Amino acid sequence: MRVRPHLVALVLVLLAELPILIPPPFGLTDHLLFWKAGQLVVSGVSPYDGAAWIDAQKQYDSFHLQQFISRGDPVWIYPAWSVLLFVPFGLLPYPAGPWALYLAYVAVGLFAAVLFVRSLPARWQPGAELAIALVALFQPFVIADRYGQFGSFLLLGVVLVYLGLRDRRALPLAAGALILFVKPQLFLVLVPVVLVLLVRAGAWRLIAITTATLVIVAVATTLRYPESLGFLGRGASDHAAVFTIYSTTWALAHYVAPAVWVPLAIAFVAIATLTTTQAVRALPDDLRLAGVVAGAALLSIVVAPVDFHYDQVPLVLAVVLAVAVGRRPAQIAVVWGLAAVIPWFVFFIELGVGGRDSQSLSGIVPLLIAPLLWLVTRSSPATMPSSPAIANTPAKLK
């Protein structure tokens, strides 16, 4: 059996980062929170029931849940349909349920990355495979899994949307849209871009099926939990006056230059938009759709009003494309260096600085990924595949 170097690299990376990848006790992470939400639904209890969360805190002696309760904050602030993601894990007892959720995060994230690589035209896949180990090392991916956040699920959602667009299939498009619907504030650019692509293609059936799916699920779950309407936007609105706690472009600009943060943030967004659009235009025709989706996901994170560093997992698509189109070893090394080192460097700086506003520094990560993709595509002629070894491989035509 032929040994695949990228799989060997992936295994080595996962083994090397185990001390960081393995989660702390579940009483300190969101694994318990999301598992418990699913378990409450399975038990016939509303995840918006504050008393249920007080009981859960006492039962599991969770310091994490105690922070919500002591501040008087609601624990479950997600839209009603979001809890459906965690019902399967709620069928399992503690601690099997949280462990299953953690393992699902890791597996789904890697599966989504491989699925995206395999969905690219054949001549680009060998180059893109070099990014799989990088995904496992990518700080937002590792920390999301460690902290118990579902960034990996969001990555899968974006990949499914891409597959639905590429193949004009309703099932992956609707499924991906449902996943992204859990945190819609992270996809403010991707959603209209996808809609424009569908309209231009005259894909009215796909639009109708996807829209109907979202509406049916939203209405059905909201009717089941009407109290959820009182929590919509609660997490963001409660902290609107202290937006600097987030890992957004806006918070980063405020951290760097509080007196002129608005024009600085607008400049950041403009530069990211310019470099991303130029990068997409420079991509070969057979990578253009993947570039549009990856670029829209990237810009969605750039303009997001609310996100943390663990929400940046969908940046993986742009990173994979940057590795795929880099035809020189130096380009691949630069992408690896920036995507693997900078996010971790910023993360540990945040830990060292401390304070509630320190996470805003992670807002620089998508702002660096955008020009990185542009530089790689700009220096890689569109007629060149990602590796000399596959130069004669015909592109997959759609």
Protein backbone atom coordinates (compact mmCIF):
# COMPACT_ATOMS: atom_id res chain seq x y z
CA MET A 1 0.00 0.00 0.00
CA ARG A 2 1.35 3.40 -1.00
CA VAL A 3 2.10 5.71 1.91
CA ARG A 4 0.52 9.14 1.50
CA PRO A 5 2.90 11.81 2.86
CA HIS A 6 0.09 14.25 3.69
CA LEU A 7 -1.62 11.63 5.86
CA VAL A 8 1.65 10.85 7.64
CA ALA A 9 2.11 14.58 8.24
CA LEU A 10 -1.45 14.83 9.56
CA VAL A 11 -0.91 12.00 12.06
CA LEU A 12 2.39 13.51 13.22
CA VAL A 13 0.78 16.92 13.73
CA LEU A 14 -2.13 15.47 15.69
CA LEU A 15 0.24 13.49 17.92
CA ALA A 16 2.50 16.49 18.49
CA GLU A 17 -0.35 18.79 19.47
CA LEU A 18 -2.22 16.34 21.71
CA PRO A 19 -1.33 18.25 24.91
CA ILE A 20 -3.13 21.30 23.49
CA LEU A 21 -5.79 19.51 21.47
CA ILE A 22 -7.11 17.39 24.35
CA PRO A 23 -9.74 19.42 26.20
CA PRO A 24 -9.61 20.49 29.84
CA PRO A 25 -12.20 19.01 32.24
CA PHE A 26 -15.62 19.45 30.69
CA GLY A 27 -16.76 21.55 33.62
CA LEU A 28 -14.53 24.30 32.21
CA THR A 29 -15.54 24.12 28.55
CA ASP A 30 -18.48 24.51 26.20
CA HIS A 31 -18.59 20.76 25.52
CA LEU A 32 -20.71 20.38 28.65
CA LEU A 33 -22.94 23.31 27.67
CA PHE A 34 -23.73 22.05 24.18
CA TRP A 35 -24.11 18.44 25.26
CA LYS A 36 -26.43 19.48 28.08
CA ALA A 37 -28.56 21.54 25.68
CA GLY A 38 -29.06 18.44 23.56
CA GLN A 39 -29.73 16.34 26.64
CA LEU A 40 -32.37 18.79 27.88
CA VAL A 41 -34.19 18.55 24.56
CA VAL A 42 -34.06 14.75 24.68
CA SER A 43 -35.49 14.92 28.22
CA GLY A 44 -38.31 17.22 27.12
CA VAL A 45 -36.93 20.28 28.90
CA SER A 46 -36.37 23.63 27.23
CA PRO A 47 -32.72 24.65 26.81
CA TYR A 48 -33.90 28.17 27.73
CA ASP A 49 -35.00 27.00 31.19
CA GLY A 50 -32.71 28.81 33.63
CA ALA A 51 -33.57 26.46 36.50
CA ALA A 52 -32.39 23.48 34.44
CA TRP A 53 -28.99 25.11 34.02
CA ILE A 54 -28.73 25.85 37.73
CA ASP A 55 -29.39 22.17 38.40
CA ALA A 56 -26.79 21.21 35.78
CA GLN A 57 -24.21 23.44 37.42
CA LYS A 58 -24.79 21.78 40.75
CA GLN A 59 -24.80 18.29 39.27
CA TYR A 60 -21.54 18.68 37.32
CA ASP A 61 -19.90 21.30 39.54
CA SER A 62 -19.14 23.34 36.43
CA PHE A 63 -17.12 26.49 36.97
CA HIS A 64 -17.99 27.53 33.40
CA LEU A 65 -21.74 27.35 34.01
CA GLN A 66 -21.27 29.06 37.35
CA GLN A 67 -19.94 32.15 35.56
CA PHE A 68 -23.23 32.53 33.68
CA ILE A 69 -25.35 31.92 36.74
CA SER A 70 -23.42 34.24 39.06
CA ARG A 71 -23.70 37.08 36.52
CA GLY A 72 -27.39 36.41 36.00
CA ASP A 73 -26.81 35.73 32.30
CA PRO A 74 -28.84 33.16 30.35
CA VAL A 75 -26.79 30.10 29.41
CA TRP A 76 -28.50 29.18 26.13
CA ILE A 77 -28.85 32.21 23.85
CA TYR A 78 -28.71 30.50 20.47
CA PRO A 79 -31.76 30.41 18.13
CA ALA A 80 -34.21 27.58 18.65
CA TRP A 81 -33.06 25.55 15.64
CA SER A 82 -29.42 25.51 16.79
CA VAL A 83 -30.03 22.90 19.48
CA LEU A 84 -30.80 20.32 16.78
CA LEU A 85 -27.05 20.03 16.14
CA PHE A 86 -26.54 18.64 19.63
CA VAL A 87 -29.54 16.36 20.13
CA PRO A 88 -27.63 13.26 18.90
CA PHE A 89 -24.99 13.84 21.56
CA GLY A 90 -27.67 14.45 24.17
CA LEU A 91 -28.77 10.86 23.72
CA LEU A 92 -25.53 9.77 25.38
CA PRO A 93 -24.90 9.94 29.13
CA TYR A 94 -22.22 12.01 30.80
CA PRO A 95 -19.25 11.95 30.18
CA ALA A 96 -19.68 9.89 27.01
CA GLY A 97 -21.78 12.63 25.42
CA PRO A 98 -19.26 15.47 25.81
CA TRP A 99 -16.44 13.18 24.68
CA ALA A 100 -18.42 12.16 21.61
CA LEU A 101 -19.05 15.83 20.84
CA TYR A 102 -15.36 16.66 21.21
CA LEU A 103 -14.32 13.80 18.91
CA ALA A 104 -17.00 14.85 16.42
CA TYR A 105 -15.54 18.36 16.35
CA VAL A 106 -12.10 17.03 15.46
CA ALA A 107 -13.36 14.46 12.95
CA VAL A 108 -15.85 16.78 11.24
CA GLY A 109 -13.28 19.54 10.86
CA LEU A 110 -10.73 17.25 9.24
CA PHE A 111 -13.42 15.57 7.14
CA ALA A 112 -14.61 18.96 5.89
CA ALA A 113 -11.07 19.94 4.91
CA VAL A 114 -10.52 16.65 3.06
CA LEU A 115 -13.94 16.93 1.41
CA PHE A 116 -13.06 20.41 0.16
CA VAL A 117 -9.71 19.20 -1.18
CA ARG A 118 -11.39 16.24 -2.93
CA SER A 119 -14.01 18.54 -4.42
CA LEU A 120 -11.38 20.61 -6.24
CA PRO A 121 -10.46 19.77 -9.84
CA ALA A 122 -8.12 16.77 -10.01
CA ARG A 123 -5.03 18.69 -11.07
CA TRP A 124 -5.15 20.86 -7.93
CA GLN A 125 -5.74 18.11 -5.39
CA PRO A 126 -2.11 16.97 -4.86
CA GLY A 127 -1.10 20.53 -4.00
CA ALA A 128 -4.14 21.09 -1.81
CA GLU A 129 -3.43 17.89 0.12
CA LEU A 130 -0.36 19.59 1.55
CA ALA A 131 -2.75 21.81 3.52
CA ILE A 132 -4.53 19.02 5.41
CA ALA A 133 -1.90 18.80 8.14
CA LEU A 134 -1.90 22.60 8.27
CA VAL A 135 -5.63 22.53 9.00
CA ALA A 136 -4.98 20.28 11.99
CA LEU A 137 -2.43 22.81 13.22
CA PHE A 138 -4.56 25.89 12.52
CA GLN A 139 -5.10 27.71 15.83
CA PRO A 140 -8.82 28.49 15.40
CA PHE A 141 -9.49 24.81 14.64
CA VAL A 142 -7.49 23.52 17.62
CA ILE A 143 -8.85 26.03 20.11
CA ALA A 144 -12.44 25.64 18.92
CA ASP A 145 -12.17 21.89 19.51
CA ARG A 146 -10.40 22.38 22.85
CA TYR A 147 -12.84 24.98 24.15
CA GLY A 148 -15.90 23.09 22.91
CA GLN A 149 -17.06 25.47 20.19
CA PHE A 150 -18.46 24.17 16.89
CA GLY A 151 -16.24 25.95 14.37
CA SER A 152 -15.67 22.60 12.65
CA PHE A 153 -19.40 22.26 12.00
CA LEU A 154 -19.42 25.74 10.45
CA LEU A 155 -16.52 24.75 8.21
CA LEU A 156 -18.50 21.72 7.04
CA GLY A 157 -21.48 23.99 6.42
CA VAL A 158 -19.46 26.23 4.09
CA VAL A 159 -18.05 23.22 2.22
CA LEU A 160 -21.54 21.77 1.77
CA VAL A 161 -22.76 25.11 0.40
CA TYR A 162 -19.88 25.07 -2.06
CA LEU A 163 -20.74 21.52 -3.16
CA GLY A 164 -24.38 22.48 -3.58
CA LEU A 165 -23.41 25.39 -5.79
CA ARG A 166 -20.89 23.39 -7.80
CA ASP A 167 -23.17 20.43 -8.44
CA ARG A 168 -26.48 22.35 -8.41
CA ARG A 169 -27.77 20.00 -5.72
CA ALA A 170 -30.37 21.01 -3.15
CA LEU A 171 -29.41 18.55 -0.39
CA PRO A 172 -25.87 19.79 0.37
CA LEU A 173 -26.88 23.41 -0.19
CA ALA A 174 -29.83 23.23 2.21
CA ALA A 175 -27.87 21.18 4.77
CA GLY A 176 -24.97 23.63 4.67
CA ALA A 177 -27.31 26.60 4.96
CA LEU A 178 -28.98 25.04 8.02
CA ILE A 179 -25.62 24.66 9.75
CA LEU A 180 -24.56 28.24 8.96
CA PHE A 181 -27.99 29.45 10.12
CA VAL A 182 -26.87 28.70 13.68
CA LYS A 183 -24.43 31.63 13.63
CA PRO A 184 -25.70 33.82 10.79
CA GLN A 185 -23.67 36.85 11.92
CA LEU A 186 -20.54 35.06 10.70
CA PHE A 187 -21.75 34.82 7.08
CA LEU A 188 -23.02 38.28 6.21
CA VAL A 189 -21.06 38.31 2.95
CA LEU A 190 -21.34 34.64 2.01
CA VAL A 191 -25.15 34.57 2.09
CA PRO A 192 -25.76 37.37 -0.45
CA VAL A 193 -22.90 36.10 -2.63
CA VAL A 194 -24.47 32.63 -2.76
CA LEU A 195 -27.86 34.14 -3.52
CA VAL A 196 -26.42 36.21 -6.37
CA LEU A 197 -24.71 33.13 -7.82
CA LEU A 198 -27.96 31.16 -7.70
CA VAL A 199 -29.99 33.96 -9.26
CA ARG A 200 -27.45 34.47 -12.05
CA ALA A 201 -27.57 30.73 -12.74
CA GLY A 202 -31.37 30.74 -12.74
CA ALA A 203 -31.34 28.10 -10.00
CA TRP A 204 -34.82 29.01 -8.73
CA ARG A 205 -35.53 25.46 -7.58
CA LEU A 206 -32.45 25.46 -5.34
CA ILE A 207 -33.40 28.85 -3.93
CA ALA A 208 -36.94 27.68 -3.21
CA ILE A 209 -35.89 24.40 -1.57
CA THR A 210 -33.19 25.99 0.58
CA THR A 211 -35.43 28.87 1.64
CA ALA A 212 -38.32 26.54 2.42
CA THR A 213 -36.04 24.29 4.48
CA LEU A 214 -34.76 27.19 6.56
CA VAL A 215 -38.23 28.61 7.10
CA ILE A 216 -39.79 25.27 8.05
CA VAL A 217 -37.04 24.42 10.53
CA ALA A 218 -37.03 27.93 12.00
CA VAL A 219 -40.81 28.06 12.40
CA ALA A 220 -41.14 24.52 13.77
CA THR A 221 -38.40 24.93 16.38
CA THR A 222 -39.56 28.41 17.37
CA LEU A 223 -43.10 27.15 17.87
CA ARG A 224 -41.64 24.41 20.06
CA TYR A 225 -39.59 26.93 22.04
CA PRO A 226 -41.39 30.30 21.68
CA GLU A 227 -39.36 31.66 24.60
CA SER A 228 -36.35 31.58 22.29
CA LEU A 229 -37.58 34.82 20.68
CA GLY A 230 -36.66 36.66 23.84
CA PHE A 231 -33.07 35.51 23.51
CA LEU A 232 -32.44 36.35 19.85
CA GLY A 233 -29.35 38.52 19.64
CA ARG A 234 -29.08 38.48 23.44
CA GLY A 235 -25.39 37.59 23.49
CA ALA A 236 -24.46 40.36 21.07
CA SER A 237 -26.79 43.04 22.39
CA ASP A 238 -25.79 42.48 26.01
CA HIS A 239 -22.21 43.32 25.09
CA ALA A 240 -22.83 45.94 22.39
CA ALA A 241 -21.24 48.65 24.52
CA VAL A 242 -18.11 46.56 25.01
CA PHE A 243 -17.64 45.21 21.48
CA THR A 244 -13.90 45.27 22.09
CA ILE A 245 -14.11 41.86 23.80
CA TYR A 246 -14.56 40.20 20.41
CA SER A 247 -12.00 39.06 17.83
CA THR A 248 -13.40 41.30 15.12
CA THR A 249 -11.88 43.81 12.74
CA TRP A 250 -13.76 46.53 14.63
CA ALA A 251 -12.38 45.48 18.00
CA LEU A 252 -8.84 45.19 16.59
CA ALA A 253 -9.03 48.72 15.17
CA HIS A 254 -10.23 50.03 18.53
CA TYR A 255 -7.42 48.24 20.32
CA VAL A 256 -4.78 49.64 17.95
CA ALA A 257 -6.07 53.22 17.70
CA PRO A 258 -9.06 54.01 19.94
CA ALA A 259 -9.28 57.62 18.79
CA VAL A 260 -9.65 56.76 15.09
CA TRP A 261 -10.92 53.20 15.22
CA VAL A 262 -13.84 53.72 12.83
CA PRO A 263 -11.86 54.95 9.79
CA LEU A 264 -9.10 52.47 10.60
CA ALA A 265 -11.58 49.57 10.66
CA ILE A 266 -13.09 50.74 7.37
CA ALA A 267 -9.59 50.84 5.87
CA PHE A 268 -8.94 47.29 7.10
CA VAL A 269 -12.17 46.08 5.51
CA ALA A 270 -11.42 47.91 2.25
CA ILE A 271 -7.93 46.39 1.99
CA ALA A 272 -9.24 42.90 2.75
CA THR A 273 -12.01 43.31 0.20
CA LEU A 274 -9.64 44.57 -2.50
CA THR A 275 -7.03 41.84 -1.97
CA THR A 276 -9.63 39.07 -1.73
CA THR A 277 -11.48 40.09 -4.88
CA GLN A 278 -8.21 40.43 -6.78
CA ALA A 279 -7.12 37.00 -5.57
CA VAL A 280 -10.39 35.42 -6.73
CA ARG A 281 -10.10 37.08 -10.13
CA ALA A 282 -6.55 35.78 -10.50
CA LEU A 283 -7.56 32.17 -9.87
CA PRO A 284 -7.83 29.75 -12.80
CA ASP A 285 -11.32 29.29 -14.17
CA ASP A 286 -11.65 25.82 -12.69
CA LEU A 287 -10.95 27.20 -9.18
CA ARG A 288 -13.04 30.34 -9.52
CA LEU A 289 -16.17 29.05 -7.77
CA ALA A 290 -14.14 27.62 -4.89
CA GLY A 291 -12.36 30.96 -4.67
CA VAL A 292 -15.61 32.91 -4.60
CA VAL A 293 -16.97 30.80 -1.73
CA ALA A 294 -13.68 30.85 0.19
CA GLY A 295 -13.29 34.58 -0.37
CA ALA A 296 -16.87 35.31 0.69
CA ALA A 297 -16.41 33.23 3.84
CA LEU A 298 -13.17 35.11 4.58
CA LEU A 299 -14.76 38.53 4.09
CA SER A 300 -17.74 37.45 6.20
CA ILE A 301 -15.37 36.98 9.11
CA VAL A 302 -13.64 40.28 8.34
CA VAL A 303 -16.92 42.22 8.63
CA ALA A 304 -18.59 40.09 11.34
CA PRO A 305 -19.94 42.23 14.19
CA VAL A 306 -19.49 39.42 16.71
CA ASP A 307 -16.97 36.59 16.68
CA PHE A 308 -14.13 35.09 18.66
CA HIS A 309 -10.94 33.48 17.39
CA TYR A 310 -12.54 30.04 17.53
CA ASP A 311 -15.13 31.25 15.01
CA GLN A 312 -12.42 31.73 12.37
CA VAL A 313 -12.29 28.05 11.37
CA PRO A 314 -13.96 28.72 7.95
CA LEU A 315 -10.75 30.56 6.97
CA VAL A 316 -9.48 27.04 6.26
CA LEU A 317 -10.92 27.22 2.73
CA ALA A 318 -8.78 30.24 1.82
CA VAL A 319 -5.72 28.61 3.38
CA VAL A 320 -6.26 25.40 1.38
CA LEU A 321 -6.56 27.37 -1.85
CA ALA A 322 -3.42 29.36 -1.06
CA VAL A 323 -1.48 26.12 -0.64
CA ALA A 324 -3.07 24.58 -3.74
CA VAL A 325 -2.17 27.40 -6.13
CA GLY A 326 1.33 28.00 -4.79
CA ARG A 327 3.55 26.51 -7.49
CA ARG A 328 6.84 27.12 -5.72
CA PRO A 329 8.06 25.51 -2.48
CA ALA A 330 8.73 29.00 -1.11
CA GLN A 331 5.08 29.93 -1.57
CA ILE A 332 3.88 26.84 0.26
CA ALA A 333 6.39 27.54 3.03
CA VAL A 334 5.14 31.12 3.39
CA VAL A 335 1.52 30.00 3.57
CA TRP A 336 2.39 27.34 6.10
CA GLY A 337 4.44 29.78 8.12
CA LEU A 338 1.78 32.47 8.24
CA ALA A 339 -1.25 30.21 8.72
CA ALA A 340 0.46 27.96 11.26
CA VAL A 341 2.55 30.47 13.20
CA ILE A 342 0.80 33.85 13.22
CA PRO A 343 -2.55 32.74 14.71
CA TRP A 344 -0.76 30.89 17.52
CA PHE A 345 1.64 33.79 18.04
CA VAL A 346 -1.29 36.20 18.41
CA PHE A 347 -3.17 33.76 20.66
CA PHE A 348 -0.29 33.48 23.13
CA ILE A 349 0.21 37.23 23.08
CA GLU A 350 -3.45 37.56 24.05
CA LEU A 351 -2.92 35.15 26.92
CA GLY A 352 0.12 37.11 28.03
CA VAL A 353 -1.58 40.49 27.79
CA GLY A 354 -4.73 39.31 29.53
CA GLY A 355 -7.78 41.47 30.09
CA ARG A 356 -11.20 41.29 28.51
CA ASP A 357 -10.14 43.18 25.36
CA SER A 358 -7.05 41.10 24.55
CA GLN A 359 -8.90 38.67 22.24
CA SER A 360 -9.42 41.53 19.80
CA LEU A 361 -5.86 40.95 18.56
CA SER A 362 -7.05 37.81 16.77
CA GLY A 363 -8.95 40.07 14.42
CA ILE A 364 -5.69 40.42 12.51
CA VAL A 365 -5.76 36.78 11.33
CA PRO A 366 -8.37 37.11 8.52
CA LEU A 367 -6.83 40.48 7.60
CA LEU A 368 -3.54 38.66 6.92
CA ILE A 369 -5.07 35.64 5.17
CA ALA A 370 -6.67 37.93 2.55
CA PRO A 371 -3.43 39.52 1.23
CA LEU A 372 -1.66 36.17 1.58
CA LEU A 373 -4.10 34.57 -0.85
CA TRP A 374 -3.69 37.55 -3.18
CA LEU A 375 0.11 37.38 -3.13
CA VAL A 376 0.11 33.65 -3.86
CA THR A 377 -2.37 33.88 -6.72
CA ARG A 378 -0.65 36.96 -8.13
CA SER A 379 2.68 35.16 -8.36
CA SER A 380 1.17 31.92 -9.71
CA PRO A 381 0.16 32.13 -13.40
CA ALA A 382 -3.38 30.90 -13.95
CA THR A 383 -2.16 28.34 -16.44
CA MET A 384 0.09 26.65 -13.90
CA PRO A 385 -1.18 23.85 -11.66
CA SER A 386 -0.04 23.71 -8.06
CA SER A 387 2.80 21.25 -8.67
CA PRO A 388 5.09 20.48 -11.61
CA ALA A 389 4.31 16.81 -11.06
CA ILE A 390 0.74 17.33 -12.21
CA ALA A 391 1.40 19.89 -14.92
CA ASN A 392 0.01 17.59 -17.57
CA THR A 393 -3.10 16.60 -15.65
CA PRO A 394 -6.20 17.93 -17.43
CA ALA A 395 -8.38 20.26 -15.45
CA LYS A 396 -11.81 19.07 -14.49
CA LEU A 397 -14.30 21.04 -16.53
CA LYS A 398 -17.70 21.89 -15.22
